[in-house]
């Protein structure tokens, strides 16, 4: 099952600004926004793994690649938002 390139690209680029907005909101609402952001984004990453795990008819390799893609897209977004945050 081929995954279109635009889907991979969009799924990696679109969550970045959303994560930045979540962090900005947590800066206003929390005394420790970095810790809260890591909790929220880590939980979201775990929940997003349910999609590939529940795919009907997908091979094990397909599921493994999709799981890896979620982590490969999510981890740099989390790192980038935290690194880009004000000290």
C-alpha atoms as a PDB file:
ATOM      1  CA  UNK A   1       0.000   0.000   0.000  1.00  0.00           C
ATOM      2  CA  UNK A   2       1.681   3.200  -1.191  1.00  0.00           C
ATOM      3  CA  UNK A   3       1.504   6.329   0.930  1.00  0.00           C
ATOM      4  CA  UNK A   4       1.243   9.506  -1.162  1.00  0.00           C
ATOM      5  CA  UNK A   5       4.116  11.933  -0.595  1.00  0.00           C
ATOM      6  CA  UNK A   6       1.839  14.916   0.021  1.00  0.00           C
ATOM      7  CA  UNK A   7       0.156  13.043   2.897  1.00  0.00           C
ATOM      8  CA  UNK A   8       3.479  12.352   4.582  1.00  0.00           C
ATOM      9  CA  UNK A   9       4.602  15.933   4.062  1.00  0.00           C
ATOM     10  CA  UNK A  10       1.348  17.450   5.285  1.00  0.00           C
ATOM     11  CA  UNK A  11       1.190  15.157   8.278  1.00  0.00           C
ATOM     12  CA  UNK A  12       4.649  16.300   9.277  1.00  0.00           C
ATOM     13  CA  UNK A  13       4.314  20.031   8.596  1.00  0.00           C
ATOM     14  CA  UNK A  14       0.793  20.834   9.811  1.00  0.00           C
ATOM     15  CA  UNK A  15       1.217  19.611  13.437  1.00  0.00           C
ATOM     16  CA  UNK A  16       4.259  21.877  14.008  1.00  0.00           C
ATOM     17  CA  UNK A  17       2.396  25.201  14.139  1.00  0.00           C
ATOM     18  CA  UNK A  18      -0.402  23.575  16.133  1.00  0.00           C
ATOM     19  CA  UNK A  19       2.155  22.357  18.678  1.00  0.00           C
ATOM     20  CA  UNK A  20       3.567  25.880  18.849  1.00  0.00           C
ATOM     21  CA  UNK A  21       0.122  27.275  19.604  1.00  0.00           C
ATOM     22  CA  UNK A  22      -0.404  24.645  22.310  1.00  0.00           C
ATOM     23  CA  UNK A  23       2.918  25.613  23.889  1.00  0.00           C
ATOM     24  CA  UNK A  24       2.011  29.321  23.704  1.00  0.00           C
ATOM     25  CA  UNK A  25      -1.277  28.598  25.476  1.00  0.00           C
ATOM     26  CA  UNK A  26       0.524  26.563  28.124  1.00  0.00           C
ATOM     27  CA  UNK A  27       2.954  29.461  28.690  1.00  0.00           C
ATOM     28  CA  UNK A  28      -0.019  31.568  29.710  1.00  0.00           C
ATOM     29  CA  UNK A  29      -1.819  28.902  31.730  1.00  0.00           C
ATOM     30  CA  UNK A  30       0.952  26.939  33.425  1.00  0.00           C
ATOM     31  CA  UNK A  31       3.867  27.741  35.692  1.00  0.00           C
ATOM     32  CA  UNK A  32       5.901  24.978  34.006  1.00  0.00           C
ATOM     33  CA  UNK A  33       4.884  25.011  30.321  1.00  0.00           C
ATOM     34  CA  UNK A  34       7.718  22.791  29.080  1.00  0.00           C
ATOM     35  CA  UNK A  35       6.830  19.920  31.371  1.00  0.00           C
ATOM     36  CA  UNK A  36       3.134  20.236  30.583  1.00  0.00           C
ATOM     37  CA  UNK A  37       3.839  20.442  26.859  1.00  0.00           C
ATOM     38  CA  UNK A  38       5.911  17.257  26.982  1.00  0.00           C
ATOM     39  CA  UNK A  39       3.096  15.511  28.859  1.00  0.00           C
ATOM     40  CA  UNK A  40       0.423  16.662  26.413  1.00  0.00           C
ATOM     41  CA  UNK A  41       2.459  16.002  23.271  1.00  0.00           C
ATOM     42  CA  UNK A  42       3.698  12.645  24.558  1.00  0.00           C
ATOM     43  CA  UNK A  43       0.130  11.589  25.296  1.00  0.00           C
ATOM     44  CA  UNK A  44      -0.976  12.781  21.853  1.00  0.00           C
ATOM     45  CA  UNK A  45       1.838  10.807  20.235  1.00  0.00           C
ATOM     46  CA  UNK A  46       0.784   7.635  22.054  1.00  0.00           C
ATOM     47  CA  UNK A  47      -2.863   8.173  21.067  1.00  0.00           C
ATOM     48  CA  UNK A  48      -1.858   8.788  17.431  1.00  0.00           C
ATOM     49  CA  UNK A  49      -0.215   5.366  17.339  1.00  0.00           C
ATOM     50  CA  UNK A  50      -3.654   3.757  17.699  1.00  0.00           C
ATOM     51  CA  UNK A  51      -4.479   4.615  14.072  1.00  0.00           C
ATOM     52  CA  UNK A  52      -1.823   2.421  12.471  1.00  0.00           C
ATOM     53  CA  UNK A  53      -2.320  -0.318  15.051  1.00  0.00           C
ATOM     54  CA  UNK A  54      -6.008  -0.668  14.188  1.00  0.00           C
ATOM     55  CA  UNK A  55      -5.692  -0.642  10.386  1.00  0.00           C
ATOM     56  CA  UNK A  56      -7.657  -3.481   8.832  1.00  0.00           C
ATOM     57  CA  UNK A  57      -5.771  -5.554   6.282  1.00  0.00           C
ATOM     58  CA  UNK A  58      -2.427  -3.785   6.696  1.00  0.00           C
ATOM     59  CA  UNK A  59       0.715  -5.870   6.736  1.00  0.00           C
ATOM     60  CA  UNK A  60       3.018  -5.871   9.732  1.00  0.00           C
ATOM     61  CA  UNK A  61       5.624  -3.955   7.737  1.00  0.00           C
ATOM     62  CA  UNK A  62       3.097  -1.275   6.787  1.00  0.00           C
ATOM     63  CA  UNK A  63       2.021  -0.856  10.400  1.00  0.00           C
ATOM     64  CA  UNK A  64       5.652  -0.696  11.562  1.00  0.00           C
ATOM     65  CA  UNK A  65       6.505   1.942   8.948  1.00  0.00           C
ATOM     66  CA  UNK A  66       3.482   4.045   9.889  1.00  0.00           C
ATOM     67  CA  UNK A  67       4.344   3.802  13.589  1.00  0.00           C
ATOM     68  CA  UNK A  68       7.902   4.870  12.828  1.00  0.00           C
ATOM     69  CA  UNK A  69       6.627   7.767  10.722  1.00  0.00           C
ATOM     70  CA  UNK A  70       4.518   9.011  13.638  1.00  0.00           C
ATOM     71  CA  UNK A  71       7.503   8.979  15.968  1.00  0.00           C
ATOM     72  CA  UNK A  72       9.878  10.425  13.354  1.00  0.00           C
ATOM     73  CA  UNK A  73       7.456  13.307  12.757  1.00  0.00           C
ATOM     74  CA  UNK A  74       6.463  13.837  16.394  1.00  0.00           C
ATOM     75  CA  UNK A  75       9.814  13.799  18.172  1.00  0.00           C
ATOM     76  CA  UNK A  76      11.434  16.624  16.152  1.00  0.00           C
ATOM     77  CA  UNK A  77       8.300  18.741  16.488  1.00  0.00           C
ATOM     78  CA  UNK A  78       8.397  18.323  20.267  1.00  0.00           C
ATOM     79  CA  UNK A  79      12.134  19.058  20.347  1.00  0.00           C
ATOM     80  CA  UNK A  80      11.799  22.067  18.042  1.00  0.00           C
ATOM     81  CA  UNK A  81       9.001  23.674  19.999  1.00  0.00           C
ATOM     82  CA  UNK A  82      10.876  23.308  23.266  1.00  0.00           C
ATOM     83  CA  UNK A  83      14.164  24.576  21.765  1.00  0.00           C
ATOM     84  CA  UNK A  84      12.379  27.510  20.168  1.00  0.00           C
ATOM     85  CA  UNK A  85      10.592  28.534  23.356  1.00  0.00           C
ATOM     86  CA  UNK A  86      11.725  31.567  25.259  1.00  0.00           C
ATOM     87  CA  UNK A  87      14.015  30.824  28.216  1.00  0.00           C
END
